[in-house]
Amino acid sequence: MKTPCEIVVWYVLPTIRRELAKELVDTYHMKQADVGRLFGVTDAAISQYLKKKRGGSALIESSPHYPPFVSEIKKSAKEIHDKNGATVIELCRICSFVRQCGLLADIYAQTTGYEVPDCVLGSNVEFR
């Protein structure tokens, strides 16, 4: 059984990185090596994101949540560019958006075939 966290690691984060890398290189003309440093990956990894050899998910790209997801990516790319060092905050913000808009629930249901747990649906999880 896959946990929601595994879904984020396997599907969501690579797609976020790919889309952010594309936006930072294409719109803000950042060098691949600089984007790699921001993400903590090699410039070769950034090259693979840009060539769509790494990252991305057909589940995300075909989702009705994809256009607002891309809009959030654009906002985050601007923040990362303007405030060099906001990368972690923006990655967390996009992950929160993915959960809140229902995209994580959709991906979880499609990839696992299980009922979406309350923690993905936004319900509070009780700590004991």
C-alpha atoms as a PDB file:
ATOM      1  CA  MET A   1       0.000   0.000   0.000  1.00  0.00           C
ATOM      2  CA  LYS A   2       1.280   3.440  -0.892  1.00  0.00           C
ATOM      3  CA  THR A   3       0.981   6.238   1.629  1.00  0.00           C
ATOM      4  CA  PRO A   4       0.005   9.766   0.595  1.00  0.00           C
ATOM      5  CA  CYS A   5       3.585  10.836   1.335  1.00  0.00           C
ATOM      6  CA  GLU A   6       4.860   8.311  -1.229  1.00  0.00           C
ATOM      7  CA  ILE A   7       2.466   9.756  -3.812  1.00  0.00           C
ATOM      8  CA  VAL A   8       3.938  13.197  -3.156  1.00  0.00           C
ATOM      9  CA  VAL A   9       7.508  11.894  -3.506  1.00  0.00           C
ATOM     10  CA  TRP A  10       6.883   9.847  -6.657  1.00  0.00           C
ATOM     11  CA  TYR A  11       4.421  12.056  -8.540  1.00  0.00           C
ATOM     12  CA  VAL A  12       3.983  15.529  -7.081  1.00  0.00           C
ATOM     13  CA  LEU A  13       7.507  16.726  -6.207  1.00  0.00           C
ATOM     14  CA  PRO A  14       9.098  15.679  -9.521  1.00  0.00           C
ATOM     15  CA  THR A  15       6.327  17.472 -11.407  1.00  0.00           C
ATOM     16  CA  ILE A  16       6.711  20.583  -9.264  1.00  0.00           C
ATOM     17  CA  ARG A  17      10.470  20.587  -9.854  1.00  0.00           C
ATOM     18  CA  ARG A  18      10.065  20.105 -13.591  1.00  0.00           C
ATOM     19  CA  GLU A  19       7.496  22.876 -13.942  1.00  0.00           C
ATOM     20  CA  LEU A  20       9.457  25.261 -11.712  1.00  0.00           C
ATOM     21  CA  ALA A  21      12.703  24.529 -13.566  1.00  0.00           C
ATOM     22  CA  LYS A  22      11.006  25.203 -16.897  1.00  0.00           C
ATOM     23  CA  GLU A  23       9.540  28.478 -15.640  1.00  0.00           C
ATOM     24  CA  LEU A  24      12.783  29.675 -14.033  1.00  0.00           C
ATOM     25  CA  VAL A  25      14.872  28.894 -17.127  1.00  0.00           C
ATOM     26  CA  ASP A  26      12.378  29.996 -19.802  1.00  0.00           C
ATOM     27  CA  THR A  27      10.794  33.030 -18.151  1.00  0.00           C
ATOM     28  CA  TYR A  28      13.508  34.284 -15.820  1.00  0.00           C
ATOM     29  CA  HIS A  29      16.477  33.145 -17.934  1.00  0.00           C
ATOM     30  CA  MET A  30      18.197  31.462 -15.011  1.00  0.00           C
ATOM     31  CA  LYS A  31      21.045  29.066 -15.757  1.00  0.00           C
ATOM     32  CA  GLN A  32      20.386  25.363 -15.291  1.00  0.00           C
ATOM     33  CA  ALA A  33      23.253  25.140 -12.801  1.00  0.00           C
ATOM     34  CA  ASP A  34      21.713  27.936 -10.703  1.00  0.00           C
ATOM     35  CA  VAL A  35      18.315  26.245 -10.687  1.00  0.00           C
ATOM     36  CA  GLY A  36      20.011  22.971  -9.761  1.00  0.00           C
ATOM     37  CA  ARG A  37      21.667  24.642  -6.778  1.00  0.00           C
ATOM     38  CA  LEU A  38      18.322  26.048  -5.648  1.00  0.00           C
ATOM     39  CA  PHE A  39      16.726  22.594  -5.844  1.00  0.00           C
ATOM     40  CA  GLY A  40      19.717  20.694  -4.485  1.00  0.00           C
ATOM     41  CA  VAL A  41      20.102  18.644  -7.675  1.00  0.00           C
ATOM     42  CA  THR A  42      22.648  18.592 -10.494  1.00  0.00           C
ATOM     43  CA  ASP A  43      22.366  20.739 -13.591  1.00  0.00           C
ATOM     44  CA  ALA A  44      22.087  17.430 -15.487  1.00  0.00           C
ATOM     45  CA  ALA A  45      18.888  16.723 -13.537  1.00  0.00           C
ATOM     46  CA  ILE A  46      17.565  20.155 -14.504  1.00  0.00           C
ATOM     47  CA  SER A  47      18.429  19.392 -18.133  1.00  0.00           C
ATOM     48  CA  GLN A  48      16.385  16.184 -17.879  1.00  0.00           C
ATOM     49  CA  TYR A  49      13.445  18.095 -16.370  1.00  0.00           C
ATOM     50  CA  LEU A  50      13.564  20.572 -19.250  1.00  0.00           C
ATOM     51  CA  LYS A  51      13.690  17.788 -21.852  1.00  0.00           C
ATOM     52  CA  LYS A  52      10.791  16.020 -20.063  1.00  0.00           C
ATOM     53  CA  LYS A  53      12.966  12.970 -19.409  1.00  0.00           C
ATOM     54  CA  ARG A  54      12.484  13.385 -15.663  1.00  0.00           C
ATOM     55  CA  GLY A  55       9.574  14.597 -13.612  1.00  0.00           C
ATOM     56  CA  GLY A  56       6.089  15.116 -14.816  1.00  0.00           C
ATOM     57  CA  SER A  57       3.092  12.893 -14.485  1.00  0.00           C
ATOM     58  CA  ALA A  58       0.352  12.191 -16.977  1.00  0.00           C
ATOM     59  CA  LEU A  59      -2.021  11.911 -14.004  1.00  0.00           C
ATOM     60  CA  ILE A  60      -1.271  15.491 -13.007  1.00  0.00           C
ATOM     61  CA  GLU A  61      -1.092  16.908 -16.523  1.00  0.00           C
ATOM     62  CA  SER A  62      -4.464  15.427 -17.505  1.00  0.00           C
ATOM     63  CA  SER A  63      -6.178  16.560 -14.314  1.00  0.00           C
ATOM     64  CA  PRO A  64      -8.709  19.401 -14.293  1.00  0.00           C
ATOM     65  CA  HIS A  65      -6.558  20.763 -11.440  1.00  0.00           C
ATOM     66  CA  TYR A  66      -3.554  21.167 -13.776  1.00  0.00           C
ATOM     67  CA  PRO A  67      -4.241  24.749 -15.011  1.00  0.00           C
ATOM     68  CA  PRO A  68      -4.505  26.169 -11.463  1.00  0.00           C
ATOM     69  CA  PHE A  69      -1.461  24.062 -10.517  1.00  0.00           C
ATOM     70  CA  VAL A  70       0.536  25.725 -13.317  1.00  0.00           C
ATOM     71  CA  SER A  71      -0.711  29.122 -12.170  1.00  0.00           C
ATOM     72  CA  GLU A  72       0.666  28.403  -8.685  1.00  0.00           C
ATOM     73  CA  ILE A  73       3.963  27.273 -10.244  1.00  0.00           C
ATOM     74  CA  LYS A  74       4.247  30.624 -12.033  1.00  0.00           C
ATOM     75  CA  LYS A  75       3.630  32.527  -8.782  1.00  0.00           C
ATOM     76  CA  SER A  76       6.245  30.425  -7.010  1.00  0.00           C
ATOM     77  CA  ALA A  77       8.812  30.844  -9.777  1.00  0.00           C
ATOM     78  CA  LYS A  78       8.449  34.609  -9.469  1.00  0.00           C
ATOM     79  CA  GLU A  79       8.906  34.440  -5.691  1.00  0.00           C
ATOM     80  CA  ILE A  80      11.934  32.155  -6.015  1.00  0.00           C
ATOM     81  CA  HIS A  81      13.480  34.442  -8.613  1.00  0.00           C
ATOM     82  CA  ASP A  82      12.706  37.677  -6.775  1.00  0.00           C
ATOM     83  CA  LYS A  83      13.583  36.401  -3.299  1.00  0.00           C
ATOM     84  CA  ASN A  84      16.534  34.124  -3.936  1.00  0.00           C
ATOM     85  CA  GLY A  85      16.190  31.529  -1.214  1.00  0.00           C
ATOM     86  CA  ALA A  86      12.405  31.122  -1.027  1.00  0.00           C
ATOM     87  CA  THR A  87      12.595  27.692  -2.671  1.00  0.00           C
ATOM     88  CA  VAL A  88      11.625  25.538   0.325  1.00  0.00           C
ATOM     89  CA  ILE A  89       8.770  27.837   1.289  1.00  0.00           C
ATOM     90  CA  GLU A  90       7.409  27.804  -2.253  1.00  0.00           C
ATOM     91  CA  LEU A  91       7.723  24.015  -2.610  1.00  0.00           C
ATOM     92  CA  CYS A  92       5.764  23.631   0.634  1.00  0.00           C
ATOM     93  CA  ARG A  93       3.175  26.144  -0.554  1.00  0.00           C
ATOM     94  CA  ILE A  94       2.615  24.263  -3.805  1.00  0.00           C
ATOM     95  CA  CYS A  95       2.386  20.929  -1.972  1.00  0.00           C
ATOM     96  CA  SER A  96      -0.260  22.456   0.293  1.00  0.00           C
ATOM     97  CA  PHE A  97      -2.126  23.696  -2.764  1.00  0.00           C
ATOM     98  CA  VAL A  98      -2.002  20.205  -4.320  1.00  0.00           C
ATOM     99  CA  ARG A  99      -3.604  18.784  -1.190  1.00  0.00           C
ATOM    100  CA  GLN A 100      -6.177  21.569  -0.751  1.00  0.00           C
ATOM    101  CA  CYS A 101      -7.390  21.641  -4.352  1.00  0.00           C
ATOM    102  CA  GLY A 102      -8.026  17.877  -4.392  1.00  0.00           C
ATOM    103  CA  LEU A 103      -5.246  16.932  -6.795  1.00  0.00           C
ATOM    104  CA  LEU A 104      -3.476  14.733  -4.233  1.00  0.00           C
ATOM    105  CA  ALA A 105      -6.740  12.911  -3.493  1.00  0.00           C
ATOM    106  CA  ASP A 106      -7.290  12.292  -7.220  1.00  0.00           C
ATOM    107  CA  ILE A 107      -3.772  10.937  -7.727  1.00  0.00           C
ATOM    108  CA  TYR A 108      -4.004   8.785  -4.601  1.00  0.00           C
ATOM    109  CA  ALA A 109      -7.300   7.228  -5.707  1.00  0.00           C
ATOM    110  CA  GLN A 110      -6.062   6.579  -9.252  1.00  0.00           C
ATOM    111  CA  THR A 111      -2.700   5.081  -8.286  1.00  0.00           C
ATOM    112  CA  THR A 112      -3.765   2.964  -5.315  1.00  0.00           C
ATOM    113  CA  GLY A 113      -7.376   2.062  -5.984  1.00  0.00           C
ATOM    114  CA  TYR A 114      -8.028   2.649  -2.289  1.00  0.00           C
ATOM    115  CA  GLU A 115     -10.413   5.048  -0.628  1.00  0.00           C
ATOM    116  CA  VAL A 116      -8.722   8.370  -0.006  1.00  0.00           C
ATOM    117  CA  PRO A 117      -7.781   8.695   3.685  1.00  0.00           C
ATOM    118  CA  ASP A 118      -9.086  11.593   5.757  1.00  0.00           C
ATOM    119  CA  CYS A 119      -5.598  13.066   6.135  1.00  0.00           C
ATOM    120  CA  VAL A 120      -5.493  13.678   2.377  1.00  0.00           C
ATOM    121  CA  LEU A 121      -8.968  15.175   2.358  1.00  0.00           C
ATOM    122  CA  GLY A 122      -7.919  17.864   4.796  1.00  0.00           C
ATOM    123  CA  SER A 123      -9.298  16.385   7.990  1.00  0.00           C
ATOM    124  CA  ASN A 124      -7.197  16.845  11.062  1.00  0.00           C
ATOM    125  CA  VAL A 125      -5.195  13.851  12.145  1.00  0.00           C
ATOM    126  CA  GLU A 126      -5.288  13.166  15.851  1.00  0.00           C
ATOM    127  CA  PHE A 127      -1.886  12.787  17.482  1.00  0.00           C
ATOM    128  CA  ARG A 128      -1.675  10.450  20.455  1.00  0.00           C
END
